[in-house]
């Protein structure tokens, strides 16, 4: 059976490693983008099963990236999980209203990440 692919969009190299290890343990393949502009291109090229997206990034932020992903008919249905240090209730609401499917505030545990990913991938 083919492993499900997750596009990890994050500009913190240490956090990328933590997320990739967690995904590997869960049996997912991971690909990485360190900025929002590249993430939009990679989503279209790679067609991942899920995208984890930081909000504050170089080039374009997570809000703009998810907006562009949702505009493309080929990528609009890919679930996108916001992973962000913006941890206030209004931030969660803003993420969900902006096109993200789910939201997880940093710092988070591997267990929390696994629960959110399993929910989104079914």
PDB file of N, CA and C in Angstrom:
ATOM      1  N   UNK A   1       0.845  -1.195   0.000  1.00  0.00           N
ATOM      2  CA  UNK A   1       0.000   0.000   0.000  1.00  0.00           C
ATOM      3  C   UNK A   1       0.882   1.248   0.000  1.00  0.00           C
ATOM      4  N   UNK A   2       0.508   2.212  -0.812  1.00  0.00           N
ATOM      5  CA  UNK A   2       1.279   3.435  -0.939  1.00  0.00           C
ATOM      6  C   UNK A   2       1.122   4.298   0.313  1.00  0.00           C
ATOM      7  N   UNK A   3       2.254   4.825   0.798  1.00  0.00           N
ATOM      8  CA  UNK A   3       2.210   5.710   1.964  1.00  0.00           C
ATOM      9  C   UNK A   3       1.536   7.020   1.582  1.00  0.00           C
ATOM     10  N   UNK A   4       0.754   7.560   2.513  1.00  0.00           N
ATOM     11  CA  UNK A   4       0.162   8.876   2.285  1.00  0.00           C
ATOM     12  C   UNK A   4       1.262   9.918   2.424  1.00  0.00           C
ATOM     13  N   UNK A   5       1.181  10.949   1.575  1.00  0.00           N
ATOM     14  CA  UNK A   5       2.213  11.975   1.511  1.00  0.00           C
ATOM     15  C   UNK A   5       1.731  13.257   2.200  1.00  0.00           C
ATOM     16  N   UNK A   6       2.591  13.822   3.061  1.00  0.00           N
ATOM     17  CA  UNK A   6       2.282  15.064   3.766  1.00  0.00           C
ATOM     18  C   UNK A   6       3.308  16.116   3.376  1.00  0.00           C
ATOM     19  N   UNK A   7       2.816  17.269   2.904  1.00  0.00           N
ATOM     20  CA  UNK A   7       3.678  18.414   2.617  1.00  0.00           C
ATOM     21  C   UNK A   7       3.799  19.228   3.902  1.00  0.00           C
ATOM     22  N   UNK A   8       5.020  19.315   4.431  1.00  0.00           N
ATOM     23  CA  UNK A   8       5.303  20.067   5.652  1.00  0.00           C
ATOM     24  C   UNK A   8       5.812  21.447   5.229  1.00  0.00           C
ATOM     25  N   UNK A   9       5.058  22.495   5.566  1.00  0.00           N
ATOM     26  CA  UNK A   9       5.440  23.860   5.210  1.00  0.00           C
ATOM     27  C   UNK A   9       5.816  24.581   6.501  1.00  0.00           C
ATOM     28  N   UNK A  10       7.116  24.776   6.680  1.00  0.00           N
ATOM     29  CA  UNK A  10       7.640  25.303   7.949  1.00  0.00           C
ATOM     30  C   UNK A  10       9.014  25.899   7.679  1.00  0.00           C
ATOM     31  N   UNK A  11       9.327  27.028   8.328  1.00  0.00           N
ATOM     32  CA  UNK A  11      10.631  27.653   8.113  1.00  0.00           C
ATOM     33  C   UNK A  11      11.612  27.421   9.262  1.00  0.00           C
ATOM     34  N   UNK A  12      11.208  26.683  10.279  1.00  0.00           N
ATOM     35  CA  UNK A  12      12.086  26.359  11.409  1.00  0.00           C
ATOM     36  C   UNK A  12      12.636  24.940  11.192  1.00  0.00           C
ATOM     37  N   UNK A  13      13.932  24.850  10.899  1.00  0.00           N
ATOM     38  CA  UNK A  13      14.542  23.550  10.568  1.00  0.00           C
ATOM     39  C   UNK A  13      14.395  22.517  11.695  1.00  0.00           C
ATOM     40  N   UNK A  14      14.521  22.967  12.931  1.00  0.00           N
ATOM     41  CA  UNK A  14      14.389  22.028  14.056  1.00  0.00           C
ATOM     42  C   UNK A  14      12.976  21.462  14.131  1.00  0.00           C
ATOM     43  N   UNK A  15      11.980  22.316  13.937  1.00  0.00           N
ATOM     44  CA  UNK A  15      10.594  21.849  13.988  1.00  0.00           C
ATOM     45  C   UNK A  15      10.289  20.939  12.792  1.00  0.00           C
ATOM     46  N   UNK A  16      10.891  21.226  11.643  1.00  0.00           N
ATOM     47  CA  UNK A  16      10.716  20.352  10.480  1.00  0.00           C
ATOM     48  C   UNK A  16      11.153  18.931  10.841  1.00  0.00           C
ATOM     49  N   UNK A  17      12.314  18.812  11.481  1.00  0.00           N
ATOM     50  CA  UNK A  17      12.822  17.483  11.858  1.00  0.00           C
ATOM     51  C   UNK A  17      11.858  16.773  12.804  1.00  0.00           C
ATOM     52  N   UNK A  18      11.329  17.497  13.794  1.00  0.00           N
ATOM     53  CA  UNK A  18      10.384  16.918  14.757  1.00  0.00           C
ATOM     54  C   UNK A  18       9.129  16.424  14.036  1.00  0.00           C
ATOM     55  N   UNK A  19       8.596  17.252  13.141  1.00  0.00           N
ATOM     56  CA  UNK A  19       7.385  16.879  12.408  1.00  0.00           C
ATOM     57  C   UNK A  19       7.662  15.676  11.505  1.00  0.00           C
ATOM     58  N   UNK A  20       8.797  15.700  10.797  1.00  0.00           N
ATOM     59  CA  UNK A  20       9.131  14.588   9.902  1.00  0.00           C
ATOM     60  C   UNK A  20       9.290  13.273  10.666  1.00  0.00           C
ATOM     61  N   UNK A  21       9.933  13.317  11.819  1.00  0.00           N
ATOM     62  CA  UNK A  21      10.077  12.104  12.641  1.00  0.00           C
ATOM     63  C   UNK A  21       8.701  11.590  13.046  1.00  0.00           C
ATOM     64  N   UNK A  22       7.845  12.504  13.496  1.00  0.00           N
ATOM     65  CA  UNK A  22       6.488  12.115  13.888  1.00  0.00           C
ATOM     66  C   UNK A  22       5.721  11.490  12.741  1.00  0.00           C
ATOM     67  N   UNK A  23       5.820  12.086  11.556  1.00  0.00           N
ATOM     68  CA  UNK A  23       5.124  11.550  10.385  1.00  0.00           C
ATOM     69  C   UNK A  23       5.660  10.181  10.000  1.00  0.00           C
ATOM     70  N   UNK A  24       6.976  10.029  10.077  1.00  0.00           N
ATOM     71  CA  UNK A  24       7.606   8.755   9.745  1.00  0.00           C
ATOM     72  C   UNK A  24       7.128   7.654  10.686  1.00  0.00           C
ATOM     73  N   UNK A  25       7.093   7.958  11.981  1.00  0.00           N
ATOM     74  CA  UNK A  25       6.623   6.995  12.988  1.00  0.00           C
ATOM     75  C   UNK A  25       5.180   6.582  12.690  1.00  0.00           C
ATOM     76  N   UNK A  26       4.382   7.545  12.196  1.00  0.00           N
ATOM     77  CA  UNK A  26       2.978   7.270  11.890  1.00  0.00           C
ATOM     78  C   UNK A  26       2.793   6.573  10.542  1.00  0.00           C
ATOM     79  N   UNK A  27       3.885   6.426   9.780  1.00  0.00           N
ATOM     80  CA  UNK A  27       3.805   5.721   8.509  1.00  0.00           C
ATOM     81  C   UNK A  27       3.520   6.601   7.306  1.00  0.00           C
ATOM     82  N   UNK A  28       3.734   7.915   7.445  1.00  0.00           N
ATOM     83  CA  UNK A  28       3.514   8.828   6.330  1.00  0.00           C
ATOM     84  C   UNK A  28       4.840   9.224   5.694  1.00  0.00           C
ATOM     85  N   UNK A  29       4.794   9.529   4.411  1.00  0.00           N
ATOM     86  CA  UNK A  29       5.930  10.097   3.694  1.00  0.00           C
ATOM     87  C   UNK A  29       5.843  11.619   3.858  1.00  0.00           C
ATOM     88  N   UNK A  30       6.979  12.294   3.997  1.00  0.00           N
ATOM     89  CA  UNK A  30       6.938  13.749   4.118  1.00  0.00           C
ATOM     90  C   UNK A  30       7.807  14.398   3.050  1.00  0.00           C
ATOM     91  N   UNK A  31       7.334  15.537   2.575  1.00  0.00           N
ATOM     92  CA  UNK A  31       8.100  16.409   1.708  1.00  0.00           C
ATOM     93  C   UNK A  31       8.050  17.784   2.358  1.00  0.00           C
ATOM     94  N   UNK A  32       9.068  18.618   2.120  1.00  0.00           N
ATOM     95  CA  UNK A  32       9.197  19.862   2.878  1.00  0.00           C
ATOM     96  C   UNK A  32       9.322  21.079   1.974  1.00  0.00           C
ATOM     97  N   UNK A  33       8.661  22.147   2.398  1.00  0.00           N
ATOM     98  CA  UNK A  33       8.827  23.466   1.805  1.00  0.00           C
ATOM     99  C   UNK A  33       9.093  24.442   2.940  1.00  0.00           C
ATOM    100  N   UNK A  34      10.046  25.346   2.732  1.00  0.00           N
ATOM    101  CA  UNK A  34      10.370  26.306   3.791  1.00  0.00           C
ATOM    102  C   UNK A  34       9.784  27.694   3.545  1.00  0.00           C
ATOM    103  N   UNK A  35       8.952  27.844   2.504  1.00  0.00           N
ATOM    104  CA  UNK A  35       8.245  29.115   2.318  1.00  0.00           C
ATOM    105  C   UNK A  35       6.918  28.881   1.611  1.00  0.00           C
ATOM    106  N   UNK A  36       6.011  29.826   1.776  1.00  0.00           N
ATOM    107  CA  UNK A  36       4.657  29.674   1.256  1.00  0.00           C
ATOM    108  C   UNK A  36       4.563  29.628  -0.251  1.00  0.00           C
ATOM    109  N   UNK A  37       5.391  30.406  -0.927  1.00  0.00           N
ATOM    110  CA  UNK A  37       5.357  30.439  -2.396  1.00  0.00           C
ATOM    111  C   UNK A  37       5.729  29.072  -2.968  1.00  0.00           C
ATOM    112  N   UNK A  38       6.805  28.498  -2.448  1.00  0.00           N
ATOM    113  CA  UNK A  38       7.229  27.166  -2.888  1.00  0.00           C
ATOM    114  C   UNK A  38       6.163  26.125  -2.527  1.00  0.00           C
ATOM    115  N   UNK A  39       5.512  26.284  -1.381  1.00  0.00           N
ATOM    116  CA  UNK A  39       4.490  25.332  -0.933  1.00  0.00           C
ATOM    117  C   UNK A  39       3.323  25.267  -1.914  1.00  0.00           C
ATOM    118  N   UNK A  40       2.900  26.414  -2.436  1.00  0.00           N
ATOM    119  CA  UNK A  40       1.801  26.443  -3.402  1.00  0.00           C
ATOM    120  C   UNK A  40       2.198  25.661  -4.649  1.00  0.00           C
ATOM    121  N   UNK A  41       3.418  25.875  -5.131  1.00  0.00           N
ATOM    122  CA  UNK A  41       3.923  25.163  -6.312  1.00  0.00           C
ATOM    123  C   UNK A  41       4.026  23.659  -6.032  1.00  0.00           C
ATOM    124  N   UNK A  42       4.573  23.304  -4.862  1.00  0.00           N
ATOM    125  CA  UNK A  42       4.741  21.887  -4.520  1.00  0.00           C
ATOM    126  C   UNK A  42       3.397  21.185  -4.354  1.00  0.00           C
ATOM    127  N   UNK A  43       2.409  21.884  -3.809  1.00  0.00           N
ATOM    128  CA  UNK A  43       1.076  21.278  -3.661  1.00  0.00           C
ATOM    129  C   UNK A  43       0.529  20.876  -5.024  1.00  0.00           C
ATOM    130  N   UNK A  44       0.715  21.745  -6.020  1.00  0.00           N
ATOM    131  CA  UNK A  44       0.218  21.458  -7.370  1.00  0.00           C
ATOM    132  C   UNK A  44       1.020  20.336  -8.031  1.00  0.00           C
ATOM    133  N   UNK A  45       2.322  20.326  -7.821  1.00  0.00           N
ATOM    134  CA  UNK A  45       3.179  19.319  -8.457  1.00  0.00           C
ATOM    135  C   UNK A  45       3.086  17.943  -7.790  1.00  0.00           C
ATOM    136  N   UNK A  46       3.102  17.935  -6.472  1.00  0.00           N
ATOM    137  CA  UNK A  46       3.199  16.681  -5.707  1.00  0.00           C
ATOM    138  C   UNK A  46       1.852  16.075  -5.334  1.00  0.00           C
ATOM    139  N   UNK A  47       0.797  16.869  -5.305  1.00  0.00           N
ATOM    140  CA  UNK A  47      -0.548  16.425  -4.906  1.00  0.00           C
ATOM    141  C   UNK A  47      -0.507  15.630  -3.584  1.00  0.00           C
ATOM    142  N   UNK A  48      -0.021  16.266  -2.495  1.00  0.00           N
ATOM    143  CA  UNK A  48       0.043  15.548  -1.216  1.00  0.00           C
ATOM    144  C   UNK A  48      -1.363  15.222  -0.702  1.00  0.00           C
ATOM    145  N   UNK A  49      -1.423  14.273   0.216  1.00  0.00           N
ATOM    146  CA  UNK A  49      -2.705  13.907   0.825  1.00  0.00           C
ATOM    147  C   UNK A  49      -3.105  14.907   1.911  1.00  0.00           C
ATOM    148  N   UNK A  50      -2.106  15.629   2.447  1.00  0.00           N
ATOM    149  CA  UNK A  50      -2.320  16.586   3.534  1.00  0.00           C
ATOM    150  C   UNK A  50      -1.191  17.605   3.501  1.00  0.00           C
ATOM    151  N   UNK A  51      -1.494  18.833   3.947  1.00  0.00           N
ATOM    152  CA  UNK A  51      -0.478  19.872   4.091  1.00  0.00           C
ATOM    153  C   UNK A  51      -0.514  20.375   5.527  1.00  0.00           C
ATOM    154  N   UNK A  52       0.657  20.421   6.178  1.00  0.00           N
ATOM    155  CA  UNK A  52       0.762  21.124   7.462  1.00  0.00           C
ATOM    156  C   UNK A  52       1.421  22.460   7.140  1.00  0.00           C
ATOM    157  N   UNK A  53       0.831  23.557   7.605  1.00  0.00           N
ATOM    158  CA  UNK A  53       1.260  24.884   7.167  1.00  0.00           C
ATOM    159  C   UNK A  53       1.487  25.818   8.349  1.00  0.00           C
ATOM    160  N   UNK A  54       2.715  26.325   8.440  1.00  0.00           N
ATOM    161  CA  UNK A  54       3.012  27.405   9.377  1.00  0.00           C
ATOM    162  C   UNK A  54       2.327  28.665   8.838  1.00  0.00           C
ATOM    163  N   UNK A  55       2.038  29.614   9.706  1.00  0.00           N
ATOM    164  CA  UNK A  55       1.399  30.858   9.266  1.00  0.00           C
ATOM    165  C   UNK A  55       2.449  31.915   8.915  1.00  0.00           C
ATOM    166  N   UNK A  56       3.406  32.121   9.810  1.00  0.00           N
ATOM    167  CA  UNK A  56       4.413  33.172   9.624  1.00  0.00           C
ATOM    168  C   UNK A  56       5.625  32.609   8.901  1.00  0.00           C
ATOM    169  N   UNK A  57       5.731  32.948   7.601  1.00  0.00           N
ATOM    170  CA  UNK A  57       6.816  32.411   6.778  1.00  0.00           C
ATOM    171  C   UNK A  57       7.313  33.465   5.800  1.00  0.00           C
ATOM    172  N   UNK A  58       8.512  33.209   5.233  1.00  0.00           N
ATOM    173  CA  UNK A  58       9.024  34.117   4.196  1.00  0.00           C
ATOM    174  C   UNK A  58       8.245  33.965   2.888  1.00  0.00           C
ATOM    175  N   UNK A  59       8.475  34.902   1.987  1.00  0.00           N
ATOM    176  CA  UNK A  59       7.831  34.977   0.670  1.00  0.00           C
ATOM    177  C   UNK A  59       6.352  35.330   0.819  1.00  0.00           C
ATOM    178  N   UNK A  60       5.506  34.336   1.059  1.00  0.00           N
ATOM    179  CA  UNK A  60       4.095  34.622   1.357  1.00  0.00           C
ATOM    180  C   UNK A  60       3.720  33.834   2.608  1.00  0.00           C
ATOM    181  N   UNK A  61       2.822  34.392   3.396  1.00  0.00           N
ATOM    182  CA  UNK A  61       2.457  33.724   4.652  1.00  0.00           C
ATOM    183  C   UNK A  61       1.457  32.595   4.410  1.00  0.00           C
ATOM    184  N   UNK A  62       1.151  31.867   5.475  1.00  0.00           N
ATOM    185  CA  UNK A  62       0.262  30.723   5.371  1.00  0.00           C
ATOM    186  C   UNK A  62      -1.140  31.071   4.911  1.00  0.00           C
ATOM    187  N   UNK A  63      -1.624  32.250   5.278  1.00  0.00           N
ATOM    188  CA  UNK A  63      -2.967  32.656   4.857  1.00  0.00           C
ATOM    189  C   UNK A  63      -3.028  32.827   3.338  1.00  0.00           C
ATOM    190  N   UNK A  64      -2.015  33.500   2.786  1.00  0.00           N
ATOM    191  CA  UNK A  64      -1.973  33.702   1.335  1.00  0.00           C
ATOM    192  C   UNK A  64      -1.752  32.366   0.620  1.00  0.00           C
ATOM    193  N   UNK A  65      -0.879  31.534   1.166  1.00  0.00           N
ATOM    194  CA  UNK A  65      -0.606  30.228   0.552  1.00  0.00           C
ATOM    195  C   UNK A  65      -1.874  29.375   0.507  1.00  0.00           C
ATOM    196  N   UNK A  66      -2.613  29.321   1.606  1.00  0.00           N
ATOM    197  CA  UNK A  66      -3.828  28.486   1.613  1.00  0.00           C
ATOM    198  C   UNK A  66      -4.882  29.078   0.675  1.00  0.00           C
ATOM    199  N   UNK A  67      -4.929  30.404   0.568  1.00  0.00           N
ATOM    200  CA  UNK A  67      -5.870  31.041  -0.359  1.00  0.00           C
ATOM    201  C   UNK A  67      -5.560  30.601  -1.799  1.00  0.00           C
ATOM    202  N   UNK A  68      -4.274  30.605  -2.162  1.00  0.00           N
ATOM    203  CA  UNK A  68      -3.866  30.201  -3.507  1.00  0.00           C
ATOM    204  C   UNK A  68      -4.096  28.705  -3.743  1.00  0.00           C
ATOM    205  N   UNK A  69      -3.866  27.896  -2.734  1.00  0.00           N
ATOM    206  CA  UNK A  69      -4.123  26.451  -2.834  1.00  0.00           C
ATOM    207  C   UNK A  69      -5.608  26.192  -3.056  1.00  0.00           C
ATOM    208  N   UNK A  70      -6.461  26.943  -2.367  1.00  0.00           N
ATOM    209  CA  UNK A  70      -7.915  26.769  -2.506  1.00  0.00           C
ATOM    210  C   UNK A  70      -8.426  27.266  -3.861  1.00  0.00           C
ATOM    211  N   UNK A  71      -7.709  28.196  -4.501  1.00  0.00           N
ATOM    212  CA  UNK A  71      -8.132  28.716  -5.810  1.00  0.00           C
ATOM    213  C   UNK A  71      -7.870  27.719  -6.938  1.00  0.00           C
ATOM    214  N   UNK A  72      -6.903  26.836  -6.748  1.00  0.00           N
ATOM    215  CA  UNK A  72      -6.525  25.888  -7.790  1.00  0.00           C
ATOM    216  C   UNK A  72      -7.430  24.655  -7.703  1.00  0.00           C
ATOM    217  N   UNK A  73      -8.184  24.351  -8.780  1.00  0.00           N
ATOM    218  CA  UNK A  73      -9.076  23.185  -8.747  1.00  0.00           C
ATOM    219  C   UNK A  73      -8.354  21.866  -8.436  1.00  0.00           C
ATOM    220  N   UNK A  74      -7.061  21.777  -8.794  1.00  0.00           N
ATOM    221  CA  UNK A  74      -6.306  20.548  -8.551  1.00  0.00           C
ATOM    222  C   UNK A  74      -5.867  20.383  -7.094  1.00  0.00           C
ATOM    223  N   UNK A  75      -5.837  21.478  -6.339  1.00  0.00           N
ATOM    224  CA  UNK A  75      -5.345  21.395  -4.956  1.00  0.00           C
ATOM    225  C   UNK A  75      -6.386  21.824  -3.923  1.00  0.00           C
ATOM    226  N   UNK A  76      -7.509  22.336  -4.366  1.00  0.00           N
ATOM    227  CA  UNK A  76      -8.465  22.931  -3.414  1.00  0.00           C
ATOM    228  C   UNK A  76      -9.000  21.961  -2.364  1.00  0.00           C
ATOM    229  N   UNK A  77      -9.037  20.665  -2.678  1.00  0.00           N
ATOM    230  CA  UNK A  77      -9.612  19.710  -1.720  1.00  0.00           C
ATOM    231  C   UNK A  77      -8.573  19.077  -0.787  1.00  0.00           C
ATOM    232  N   UNK A  78      -7.296  19.447  -0.935  1.00  0.00           N
ATOM    233  CA  UNK A  78      -6.263  18.900  -0.038  1.00  0.00           C
ATOM    234  C   UNK A  78      -6.468  19.491   1.358  1.00  0.00           C
ATOM    235  N   UNK A  79      -6.596  18.649   2.389  1.00  0.00           N
ATOM    236  CA  UNK A  79      -6.745  19.189   3.750  1.00  0.00           C
ATOM    237  C   UNK A  79      -5.468  19.931   4.164  1.00  0.00           C
ATOM    238  N   UNK A  80      -5.658  21.093   4.821  1.00  0.00           N
ATOM    239  CA  UNK A  80      -4.529  21.897   5.283  1.00  0.00           C
ATOM    240  C   UNK A  80      -4.679  22.139   6.786  1.00  0.00           C
ATOM    241  N   UNK A  81      -3.654  21.723   7.524  1.00  0.00           N
ATOM    242  CA  UNK A  81      -3.597  21.887   8.981  1.00  0.00           C
ATOM    243  C   UNK A  81      -2.682  23.055   9.313  1.00  0.00           C
ATOM    244  N   UNK A  82      -3.223  24.083   9.952  1.00  0.00           N
ATOM    245  CA  UNK A  82      -2.413  25.219  10.390  1.00  0.00           C
ATOM    246  C   UNK A  82      -1.634  24.809  11.636  1.00  0.00           C
ATOM    247  N   UNK A  83      -0.314  24.997  11.595  1.00  0.00           N
ATOM    248  CA  UNK A  83       0.545  24.789  12.760  1.00  0.00           C
ATOM    249  C   UNK A  83       1.149  26.146  13.072  1.00  0.00           C
ATOM    250  N   UNK A  84       0.728  26.766  14.177  1.00  0.00           N
ATOM    251  CA  UNK A  84       1.121  28.151  14.390  1.00  0.00           C
ATOM    252  C   UNK A  84       1.355  28.493  15.849  1.00  0.00           C
ATOM    253  N   UNK A  85       2.217  29.470  16.047  1.00  0.00           N
ATOM    254  CA  UNK A  85       2.470  29.984  17.395  1.00  0.00           C
ATOM    255  C   UNK A  85       1.365  30.956  17.810  1.00  0.00           C
ATOM    256  N   UNK A  86       0.516  31.341  16.869  1.00  0.00           N
ATOM    257  CA  UNK A  86      -0.607  32.234  17.175  1.00  0.00           C
ATOM    258  C   UNK A  86      -1.681  31.409  17.872  1.00  0.00           C
ATOM    259  N   UNK A  87      -1.697  31.486  19.195  1.00  0.00           N
ATOM    260  CA  UNK A  87      -2.489  30.523  19.969  1.00  0.00           C
ATOM    261  C   UNK A  87      -3.758  31.077  20.609  1.00  0.00           C
ATOM    262  N   UNK A  88      -4.173  32.261  20.239  1.00  0.00           N
ATOM    263  CA  UNK A  88      -5.391  32.807  20.817  1.00  0.00           C
ATOM    264  C   UNK A  88      -6.619  32.299  20.065  1.00  0.00           C
ATOM    265  N   UNK A  89      -7.768  32.331  20.730  1.00  0.00           N
ATOM    266  CA  UNK A  89      -9.000  31.832  20.123  1.00  0.00           C
ATOM    267  C   UNK A  89      -9.282  32.531  18.802  1.00  0.00           C
ATOM    268  N   UNK A  90      -9.060  33.850  18.750  1.00  0.00           N
ATOM    269  CA  UNK A  90      -9.310  34.597  17.513  1.00  0.00           C
ATOM    270  C   UNK A  90      -8.405  34.111  16.376  1.00  0.00           C
ATOM    271  N   UNK A  91      -7.191  33.654  16.718  1.00  0.00           N
ATOM    272  CA  UNK A  91      -6.284  33.131  15.699  1.00  0.00           C
ATOM    273  C   UNK A  91      -6.829  31.835  15.112  1.00  0.00           C
ATOM    274  N   UNK A  92      -7.360  30.973  15.973  1.00  0.00           N
ATOM    275  CA  UNK A  92      -7.959  29.717  15.512  1.00  0.00           C
ATOM    276  C   UNK A  92      -9.125  30.011  14.568  1.00  0.00           C
ATOM    277  N   UNK A  93      -9.987  30.932  14.988  1.00  0.00           N
ATOM    278  CA  UNK A  93     -11.149  31.304  14.183  1.00  0.00           C
ATOM    279  C   UNK A  93     -10.716  31.870  12.836  1.00  0.00           C
ATOM    280  N   UNK A  94      -9.700  32.744  12.862  1.00  0.00           N
ATOM    281  CA  UNK A  94      -9.207  33.341  11.620  1.00  0.00           C
ATOM    282  C   UNK A  94      -8.659  32.266  10.678  1.00  0.00           C
ATOM    283  N   UNK A  95      -7.933  31.305  11.215  1.00  0.00           N
ATOM    284  CA  UNK A  95      -7.394  30.220  10.391  1.00  0.00           C
ATOM    285  C   UNK A  95      -8.509  29.424   9.728  1.00  0.00           C
ATOM    286  N   UNK A  96      -9.490  29.030  10.521  1.00  0.00           N
ATOM    287  CA  UNK A  96     -10.578  28.207   9.990  1.00  0.00           C
ATOM    288  C   UNK A  96     -11.411  28.981   8.969  1.00  0.00           C
ATOM    289  N   UNK A  97     -11.595  30.282   9.187  1.00  0.00           N
ATOM    290  CA  UNK A  97     -12.349  31.101   8.232  1.00  0.00           C
ATOM    291  C   UNK A  97     -11.545  31.394   6.965  1.00  0.00           C
ATOM    292  N   UNK A  98     -10.234  31.246   7.030  1.00  0.00           N
ATOM    293  CA  UNK A  98      -9.353  31.557   5.893  1.00  0.00           C
ATOM    294  C   UNK A  98      -9.118  30.364   4.969  1.00  0.00           C
ATOM    295  N   UNK A  99      -9.693  29.210   5.289  1.00  0.00           N
ATOM    296  CA  UNK A  99      -9.561  28.068   4.396  1.00  0.00           C
ATOM    297  C   UNK A  99      -8.788  26.883   4.955  1.00  0.00           C
ATOM    298  N   UNK A 100      -8.247  27.034   6.168  1.00  0.00           N
ATOM    299  CA  UNK A 100      -7.590  25.885   6.797  1.00  0.00           C
ATOM    300  C   UNK A 100      -8.671  24.919   7.276  1.00  0.00           C
ATOM    301  N   UNK A 101      -8.352  23.625   7.268  1.00  0.00           N
ATOM    302  CA  UNK A 101      -9.312  22.611   7.708  1.00  0.00           C
ATOM    303  C   UNK A 101      -9.232  22.355   9.202  1.00  0.00           C
ATOM    304  N   UNK A 102      -8.078  22.622   9.786  1.00  0.00           N
ATOM    305  CA  UNK A 102      -7.877  22.374  11.212  1.00  0.00           C
ATOM    306  C   UNK A 102      -6.741  23.267  11.683  1.00  0.00           C
ATOM    307  N   UNK A 103      -6.549  23.314  12.990  1.00  0.00           N
ATOM    308  CA  UNK A 103      -5.620  24.253  13.605  1.00  0.00           C
ATOM    309  C   UNK A 103      -4.971  23.589  14.804  1.00  0.00           C
ATOM    310  N   UNK A 104      -3.657  23.740  14.920  1.00  0.00           N
ATOM    311  CA  UNK A 104      -2.920  23.212  16.067  1.00  0.00           C
ATOM    312  C   UNK A 104      -1.897  24.256  16.484  1.00  0.00           C
ATOM    313  N   UNK A 105      -1.986  24.694  17.743  1.00  0.00           N
ATOM    314  CA  UNK A 105      -1.080  25.726  18.249  1.00  0.00           C
ATOM    315  C   UNK A 105       0.252  25.116  18.683  1.00  0.00           C
ATOM    316  N   UNK A 106       1.335  25.841  18.414  1.00  0.00           N
ATOM    317  CA  UNK A 106       2.678  25.462  18.879  1.00  0.00           C
ATOM    318  C   UNK A 106       2.841  25.976  20.296  1.00  0.00           C
ATOM    319  N   UNK A 107       3.565  25.295  21.143  1.00  0.00           N
ATOM    320  CA  UNK A 107       4.140  23.975  20.922  1.00  0.00           C
ATOM    321  C   UNK A 107       3.064  22.890  21.027  1.00  0.00           C
ATOM    322  N   UNK A 108       3.268  21.794  20.327  1.00  0.00           N
ATOM    323  CA  UNK A 108       2.323  20.682  20.358  1.00  0.00           C
ATOM    324  C   UNK A 108       3.107  19.392  20.544  1.00  0.00           C
ATOM    325  N   UNK A 109       2.407  18.376  21.006  1.00  0.00           N
ATOM    326  CA  UNK A 109       3.055  17.074  21.210  1.00  0.00           C
ATOM    327  C   UNK A 109       2.908  16.233  19.940  1.00  0.00           C
ATOM    328  N   UNK A 110       3.724  15.204  19.833  1.00  0.00           N
ATOM    329  CA  UNK A 110       3.616  14.282  18.701  1.00  0.00           C
ATOM    330  C   UNK A 110       2.225  13.637  18.711  1.00  0.00           C
ATOM    331  N   UNK A 111       1.716  13.350  19.898  1.00  0.00           N
ATOM    332  CA  UNK A 111       0.383  12.736  20.015  1.00  0.00           C
ATOM    333  C   UNK A 111      -0.697  13.681  19.476  1.00  0.00           C
ATOM    334  N   UNK A 112      -0.601  14.974  19.819  1.00  0.00           N
ATOM    335  CA  UNK A 112      -1.578  15.946  19.316  1.00  0.00           C
ATOM    336  C   UNK A 112      -1.508  16.030  17.785  1.00  0.00           C
ATOM    337  N   UNK A 113      -0.287  16.089  17.259  1.00  0.00           N
ATOM    338  CA  UNK A 113      -0.113  16.147  15.809  1.00  0.00           C
ATOM    339  C   UNK A 113      -0.724  14.907  15.156  1.00  0.00           C
ATOM    340  N   UNK A 114      -0.445  13.745  15.723  1.00  0.00           N
ATOM    341  CA  UNK A 114      -0.975  12.484  15.180  1.00  0.00           C
ATOM    342  C   UNK A 114      -2.513  12.500  15.179  1.00  0.00           C
ATOM    343  N   UNK A 115      -3.112  12.970  16.251  1.00  0.00           N
ATOM    344  CA  UNK A 115      -4.584  13.000  16.334  1.00  0.00           C
ATOM    345  C   UNK A 115      -5.186  13.884  15.249  1.00  0.00           C
ATOM    346  N   UNK A 116      -4.592  15.064  15.062  1.00  0.00           N
ATOM    347  CA  UNK A 116      -5.117  15.994  14.043  1.00  0.00           C
ATOM    348  C   UNK A 116      -4.939  15.414  12.637  1.00  0.00           C
ATOM    349  N   UNK A 117      -3.794  14.819  12.372  1.00  0.00           N
ATOM    350  CA  UNK A 117      -3.539  14.241  11.052  1.00  0.00           C
ATOM    351  C   UNK A 117      -4.487  13.080  10.779  1.00  0.00           C
ATOM    352  N   UNK A 118      -4.658  12.206  11.749  1.00  0.00           N
ATOM    353  CA  UNK A 118      -5.562  11.064  11.566  1.00  0.00           C
ATOM    354  C   UNK A 118      -6.997  11.525  11.334  1.00  0.00           C
ATOM    355  N   UNK A 119      -7.407  12.579  12.021  1.00  0.00           N
ATOM    356  CA  UNK A 119      -8.755  13.131  11.819  1.00  0.00           C
ATOM    357  C   UNK A 119      -8.914  13.638  10.393  1.00  0.00           C
ATOM    358  N   UNK A 120      -7.913  14.346   9.896  1.00  0.00           N
ATOM    359  CA  UNK A 120      -8.009  14.934   8.556  1.00  0.00           C
ATOM    360  C   UNK A 120      -7.880  13.891   7.440  1.00  0.00           C
ATOM    361  N   UNK A 121      -7.100  12.860   7.670  1.00  0.00           N
ATOM    362  CA  UNK A 121      -6.898  11.851   6.624  1.00  0.00           C
ATOM    363  C   UNK A 121      -7.872  10.675   6.734  1.00  0.00           C
ATOM    364  N   UNK A 122      -8.640  10.659   7.803  1.00  0.00           N
ATOM    365  CA  UNK A 122      -9.651   9.621   7.963  1.00  0.00           C
ATOM    366  C   UNK A 122      -9.140   8.338   8.421  1.00  0.00           C
TER     367      UNK A 122
END
